[in-house]
C-alpha atoms as a PDB file:
ATOM      1  CA  MET A   1     -48.513  51.567 -25.286  1.00  0.00           C
ATOM      2  CA  ASN A   2     -45.786  54.540 -25.223  1.00  0.00           C
ATOM      3  CA  VAL A   3     -47.860  56.923 -22.833  1.00  0.00           C
ATOM      4  CA  THR A   4     -45.386  59.953 -24.325  1.00  0.00           C
ATOM      5  CA  ARG A   5     -46.844  59.260 -27.638  1.00  0.00           C
ATOM      6  CA  LEU A   6     -50.228  60.195 -26.312  1.00  0.00           C
ATOM      7  CA  ILE A   7     -49.395  63.013 -23.609  1.00  0.00           C
ATOM      8  CA  TYR A   8     -47.485  65.411 -26.001  1.00  0.00           C
ATOM      9  CA  PRO A   9     -50.536  65.578 -28.503  1.00  0.00           C
ATOM     10  CA  LEU A  10     -52.674  66.009 -26.018  1.00  0.00           C
ATOM     11  CA  LEU A  11     -50.602  68.620 -24.198  1.00  0.00           C
ATOM     12  CA  ALA A  12     -50.244  70.604 -27.189  1.00  0.00           C
ATOM     13  CA  VAL A  13     -53.641  70.591 -28.023  1.00  0.00           C
ATOM     14  CA  ALA A  14     -54.359  72.430 -24.397  1.00  0.00           C
ATOM     15  CA  LEU A  15     -51.387  75.067 -25.469  1.00  0.00           C
ATOM     16  CA  ALA A  16     -52.950  75.867 -28.631  1.00  0.00           C
ATOM     17  CA  ALA A  17     -56.415  76.293 -26.946  1.00  0.00           C
ATOM     18  CA  GLY A  18     -54.814  78.557 -24.768  1.00  0.00           C
ATOM     19  CA  LEU A  19     -56.237  76.886 -21.620  1.00  0.00           C
ATOM     20  CA  SER A  20     -54.134  77.995 -18.549  1.00  0.00           C
ATOM     21  CA  SER A  21     -53.937  75.012 -16.566  1.00  0.00           C
ATOM     22  CA  LEU A  22     -49.906  74.309 -17.504  1.00  0.00           C
ATOM     23  CA  PRO A  23     -49.092  77.560 -16.088  1.00  0.00           C
ATOM     24  CA  ALA A  24     -45.614  76.556 -15.160  1.00  0.00           C
ATOM     25  CA  GLU A  25     -45.042  73.753 -18.140  1.00  0.00           C
ATOM     26  CA  ASP A  26     -44.743  73.675 -21.757  1.00  0.00           C
ATOM     27  CA  ALA A  27     -45.675  70.828 -23.986  1.00  0.00           C
ATOM     28  CA  ALA A  28     -42.193  69.151 -23.713  1.00  0.00           C
ATOM     29  CA  GLY A  29     -42.673  69.803 -20.044  1.00  0.00           C
ATOM     30  CA  ALA A  30     -39.749  72.175 -19.139  1.00  0.00           C
ATOM     31  CA  LYS A  31     -39.817  74.474 -16.695  1.00  0.00           C
ATOM     32  CA  SER A  32     -40.590  77.857 -16.768  1.00  0.00           C
ATOM     33  CA  THR A  33     -39.885  80.991 -15.273  1.00  0.00           C
ATOM     34  CA  ARG A  34     -43.011  82.727 -15.706  1.00  0.00           C
ATOM     35  CA  PRO A  35     -46.549  81.043 -16.340  1.00  0.00           C
ATOM     36  CA  VAL A  36     -47.647  80.679 -19.935  1.00  0.00           C
ATOM     37  CA  GLU A  37     -49.872  83.677 -19.855  1.00  0.00           C
ATOM     38  CA  GLU A  38     -47.113  85.909 -18.751  1.00  0.00           C
ATOM     39  CA  TRP A  39     -44.991  85.525 -21.316  1.00  0.00           C
ATOM     40  CA  LYS A  40     -47.187  85.478 -23.731  1.00  0.00           C
ATOM     41  CA  LYS A  41     -47.783  89.315 -22.815  1.00  0.00           C
ATOM     42  CA  LEU A  42     -44.237  90.000 -22.533  1.00  0.00           C
ATOM     43  CA  LEU A  43     -43.259  88.559 -25.685  1.00  0.00           C
ATOM     44  CA  THR A  44     -44.035  89.344 -29.146  1.00  0.00           C
ATOM     45  CA  PRO A  45     -46.632  86.296 -31.215  1.00  0.00           C
ATOM     46  CA  GLU A  46     -43.353  85.087 -33.383  1.00  0.00           C
ATOM     47  CA  GLU A  47     -41.032  85.076 -29.896  1.00  0.00           C
ATOM     48  CA  PHE A  48     -43.856  83.224 -28.195  1.00  0.00           C
ATOM     49  CA  ASN A  49     -44.480  80.564 -30.691  1.00  0.00           C
ATOM     50  CA  VAL A  50     -40.809  80.412 -30.526  1.00  0.00           C
ATOM     51  CA  LEU A  51     -39.532  80.282 -27.065  1.00  0.00           C
ATOM     52  CA  VAL A  52     -42.499  78.797 -25.194  1.00  0.00           C
ATOM     53  CA  GLN A  53     -44.327  76.623 -27.691  1.00  0.00           C
ATOM     54  CA  HIS A  54     -41.139  75.434 -29.194  1.00  0.00           C
ATOM     55  CA  GLY A  55     -42.034  76.377 -33.260  1.00  0.00           C
ATOM     56  CA  THR A  56     -39.751  77.486 -35.682  1.00  0.00           C
ATOM     57  CA  GLU A  57     -39.092  80.222 -37.387  1.00  0.00           C
ATOM     58  CA  ARG A  58     -38.494  80.147 -41.561  1.00  0.00           C
ATOM     59  CA  PRO A  59     -35.176  79.429 -42.438  1.00  0.00           C
ATOM     60  CA  PHE A  60     -33.169  82.598 -43.874  1.00  0.00           C
ATOM     61  CA  THR A  61     -35.693  84.875 -42.808  1.00  0.00           C
ATOM     62  CA  SER A  62     -33.633  86.144 -39.259  1.00  0.00           C
ATOM     63  CA  PRO A  63     -31.356  89.483 -39.943  1.00  0.00           C
ATOM     64  CA  LEU A  64     -29.217  87.681 -37.177  1.00  0.00           C
ATOM     65  CA  ASN A  65     -28.106  84.867 -40.003  1.00  0.00           C
ATOM     66  CA  LYS A  66     -26.364  88.227 -41.461  1.00  0.00           C
ATOM     67  CA  GLU A  67     -24.691  89.556 -38.506  1.00  0.00           C
ATOM     68  CA  LYS A  68     -21.205  89.920 -38.220  1.00  0.00           C
ATOM     69  CA  ARG A  69     -20.059  92.489 -35.688  1.00  0.00           C
ATOM     70  CA  GLU A  70     -18.208  91.558 -32.465  1.00  0.00           C
ATOM     71  CA  GLY A  71     -20.616  90.924 -29.273  1.00  0.00           C
ATOM     72  CA  VAL A  72     -23.125  88.516 -27.892  1.00  0.00           C
ATOM     73  CA  PHE A  73     -26.225  86.760 -28.428  1.00  0.00           C
ATOM     74  CA  VAL A  74     -28.557  86.974 -25.300  1.00  0.00           C
ATOM     75  CA  CYS A  75     -32.437  85.137 -24.694  1.00  0.00           C
ATOM     76  CA  ALA A  76     -35.025  87.554 -26.280  1.00  0.00           C
ATOM     77  CA  ALA A  77     -36.855  86.268 -22.873  1.00  0.00           C
ATOM     78  CA  ASP A  78     -34.289  87.593 -20.750  1.00  0.00           C
ATOM     79  CA  PRO A  79     -31.383  90.124 -22.297  1.00  0.00           C
ATOM     80  CA  THR A  80     -29.715  89.690 -19.106  1.00  0.00           C
ATOM     81  CA  GLN A  81     -28.656  85.969 -19.490  1.00  0.00           C
ATOM     82  CA  VAL A  82     -25.907  85.790 -22.528  1.00  0.00           C
ATOM     83  CA  LEU A  83     -26.218  82.539 -24.461  1.00  0.00           C
ATOM     84  CA  PHE A  84     -23.455  82.566 -27.406  1.00  0.00           C
ATOM     85  CA  ASN A  85     -20.122  84.858 -28.494  1.00  0.00           C
ATOM     86  CA  SER A  86     -20.205  86.104 -31.366  1.00  0.00           C
ATOM     87  CA  ALA A  87     -16.594  84.801 -32.035  1.00  0.00           C
ATOM     88  CA  ASP A  88     -18.505  80.889 -31.763  1.00  0.00           C
ATOM     89  CA  LYS A  89     -20.712  81.939 -34.452  1.00  0.00           C
ATOM     90  CA  PHE A  90     -20.716  80.569 -38.086  1.00  0.00           C
ATOM     91  CA  GLU A  91     -22.546  80.301 -41.507  1.00  0.00           C
ATOM     92  CA  SER A  92     -24.208  76.490 -41.395  1.00  0.00           C
ATOM     93  CA  GLY A  93     -26.044  77.325 -44.735  1.00  0.00           C
ATOM     94  CA  THR A  94     -28.852  75.641 -42.615  1.00  0.00           C
ATOM     95  CA  GLY A  95     -31.117  79.322 -42.531  1.00  0.00           C
ATOM     96  CA  TRP A  96     -30.545  79.656 -38.904  1.00  0.00           C
ATOM     97  CA  PRO A  97     -27.915  81.321 -36.977  1.00  0.00           C
ATOM     98  CA  SER A  98     -25.339  78.603 -35.860  1.00  0.00           C
ATOM     99  CA  PHE A  99     -22.533  78.275 -33.230  1.00  0.00           C
ATOM    100  CA  THR A 100     -20.008  75.985 -32.189  1.00  0.00           C
ATOM    101  CA  ARG A 101     -20.911  76.470 -28.369  1.00  0.00           C
ATOM    102  CA  PRO A 102     -22.516  78.565 -25.436  1.00  0.00           C
ATOM    103  CA  ALA A 103     -20.864  81.254 -24.203  1.00  0.00           C
ATOM    104  CA  SER A 104     -20.461  79.554 -20.841  1.00  0.00           C
ATOM    105  CA  ALA A 105     -21.204  76.185 -19.276  1.00  0.00           C
ATOM    106  CA  ASN A 106     -24.295  77.260 -17.387  1.00  0.00           C
ATOM    107  CA  ALA A 107     -25.396  79.630 -20.305  1.00  0.00           C
ATOM    108  CA  VAL A 108     -28.127  76.872 -21.805  1.00  0.00           C
ATOM    109  CA  THR A 109     -29.323  73.750 -21.195  1.00  0.00           C
ATOM    110  CA  GLU A 110     -29.920  70.013 -23.512  1.00  0.00           C
ATOM    111  CA  HIS A 111     -32.826  68.357 -23.081  1.00  0.00           C
ATOM    112  CA  SER A 112     -34.173  64.750 -25.555  1.00  0.00           C
ATOM    113  CA  ASP A 113     -36.439  65.876 -28.313  1.00  0.00           C
ATOM    114  CA  ILE A 114     -37.960  63.009 -29.391  1.00  0.00           C
ATOM    115  CA  ALA A 115     -41.129  65.137 -31.542  1.00  0.00           C
ATOM    116  CA  TYR A 116     -41.617  64.251 -34.364  1.00  0.00           C
ATOM    117  CA  GLY A 117     -40.868  60.847 -34.748  1.00  0.00           C
ATOM    118  CA  MET A 118     -36.852  61.764 -34.689  1.00  0.00           C
ATOM    119  CA  THR A 119     -34.233  61.792 -31.292  1.00  0.00           C
ATOM    120  CA  ARG A 120     -32.539  65.304 -31.167  1.00  0.00           C
ATOM    121  CA  VAL A 121     -30.708  67.083 -28.675  1.00  0.00           C
ATOM    122  CA  GLU A 122     -33.146  70.432 -27.871  1.00  0.00           C
ATOM    123  CA  VAL A 123     -31.482  73.606 -26.339  1.00  0.00           C
ATOM    124  CA  ARG A 124     -32.746  76.067 -23.633  1.00  0.00           C
ATOM    125  CA  CYS A 125     -31.730  79.176 -22.000  1.00  0.00           C
ATOM    126  CA  ALA A 126     -30.672  77.908 -18.488  1.00  0.00           C
ATOM    127  CA  LYS A 127     -32.477  80.939 -16.719  1.00  0.00           C
ATOM    128  CA  THR A 128     -35.411  81.281 -18.571  1.00  0.00           C
ATOM    129  CA  GLY A 129     -35.597  77.285 -19.218  1.00  0.00           C
ATOM    130  CA  LEU A 130     -37.398  78.638 -23.169  1.00  0.00           C
ATOM    131  CA  HIS A 131     -36.672  76.680 -26.024  1.00  0.00           C
ATOM    132  CA  LEU A 132     -34.025  78.416 -28.256  1.00  0.00           C
ATOM    133  CA  GLY A 133     -33.074  75.214 -31.417  1.00  0.00           C
ATOM    134  CA  HIS A 134     -31.591  72.203 -31.377  1.00  0.00           C
ATOM    135  CA  VAL A 135     -27.715  71.309 -31.574  1.00  0.00           C
ATOM    136  CA  PHE A 136     -26.231  68.777 -33.527  1.00  0.00           C
ATOM    137  CA  ASN A 137     -22.807  66.608 -33.703  1.00  0.00           C
ATOM    138  CA  ASP A 138     -22.277  68.206 -37.500  1.00  0.00           C
ATOM    139  CA  GLY A 139     -20.021  71.442 -36.501  1.00  0.00           C
ATOM    140  CA  PRO A 140     -16.440  72.525 -37.170  1.00  0.00           C
ATOM    141  CA  PRO A 141     -13.965  72.308 -35.862  1.00  0.00           C
ATOM    142  CA  PRO A 142     -13.035  72.880 -32.287  1.00  0.00           C
ATOM    143  CA  THR A 143     -16.474  71.483 -31.291  1.00  0.00           C
ATOM    144  CA  GLY A 144     -17.935  69.570 -33.896  1.00  0.00           C
ATOM    145  CA  LYS A 145     -21.055  71.221 -32.479  1.00  0.00           C
ATOM    146  CA  ARG A 146     -23.886  73.189 -34.716  1.00  0.00           C
ATOM    147  CA  TYR A 147     -25.869  74.571 -31.858  1.00  0.00           C
ATOM    148  CA  CYS A 148     -28.399  75.290 -34.500  1.00  0.00           C
ATOM    149  CA  MET A 149     -31.108  78.553 -32.828  1.00  0.00           C
ATOM    150  CA  ASN A 150     -34.286  80.034 -33.887  1.00  0.00           C
ATOM    151  CA  GLY A 151     -32.728  84.028 -34.540  1.00  0.00           C
ATOM    152  CA  VAL A 152     -36.162  85.495 -33.093  1.00  0.00           C
ATOM    153  CA  ALA A 153     -35.239  83.814 -29.242  1.00  0.00           C
ATOM    154  CA  LEU A 154     -32.584  85.617 -29.533  1.00  0.00           C
ATOM    155  CA  LYS A 155     -31.237  89.477 -29.014  1.00  0.00           C
ATOM    156  CA  PHE A 156     -27.889  90.978 -30.471  1.00  0.00           C
ATOM    157  CA  ILE A 157     -26.077  93.076 -28.118  1.00  0.00           C
ATOM    158  CA  PRO A 158     -23.070  94.378 -30.498  1.00  0.00           C
ATOM    159  CA  LYS A 159     -19.526  95.182 -28.324  1.00  0.00           C
ATOM    160  CA  ASP A 160     -19.392  98.793 -29.528  1.00  0.00           C
ATOM    161  CA  GLY A 161     -23.158  99.724 -28.842  1.00  0.00           C
ATOM    162  CA  ALA A 162     -23.032 100.628 -32.249  1.00  0.00           C
ATOM    163  CA  PRO A 163     -26.473  99.801 -34.493  1.00  0.00           C
ATOM    164  CA  PRO A 164     -26.019  97.711 -37.933  1.00  0.00           C
ATOM    165  CA  LYS A 165     -25.240  99.405 -40.782  1.00  0.00           C
ATOM    166  CA  GLU A 166     -28.097 100.023 -43.202  1.00  0.00           C
ATOM    167  CA  GLU A 167     -27.698  97.427 -46.185  1.00  0.00           C
ATOM    168  CA  PRO A 168     -27.965  99.552 -49.911  1.00  0.00           C
ATOM    169  CA  SER A 169     -30.839  98.851 -51.545  1.00  0.00           C
ATOM    170  CA  PRO A 170     -30.477  97.369 -54.330  1.00  0.00           C
ATOM    171  CA  ALA A 171     -31.039  99.541 -57.542  1.00  0.00           C
ATOM    172  CA  LYS A 172     -34.550  98.862 -59.240  1.00  0.00           C
END
């Protein structure tokens, strides 16, 4: 019998119930830099769902999908951690911000994810240990990788420091 198939659902139920018996680990066993209850206070509900509970935001809902300015993408839970550069962002058509590579070799960590009956590679912030998204081998050159990230797990810092330009409202 596969023990992990029994443990993951039990841990997920414990987290969903708000039990604090797992203060430094999430349902996938990832070590985090803070207890779960502290993250709950620091993050928005959407950020907490994705970053701590390994949720996924709905596709095509992140404003970062349309972000085209030069700058860096940092961890929403720790804006001192640069994760991706705008030069490596591309339009994947998947509905989530996608990148060909992390900003540096120590920006993110990769972990096996066997949830939902499939094997994927999960991507976490190397500094906080929190969930960002997944990486796939179907990206463009030069890496052939697609780092498919939840926009809510990222914050964009433009190189020029300017706020995004308002898009004109469609005429009614």
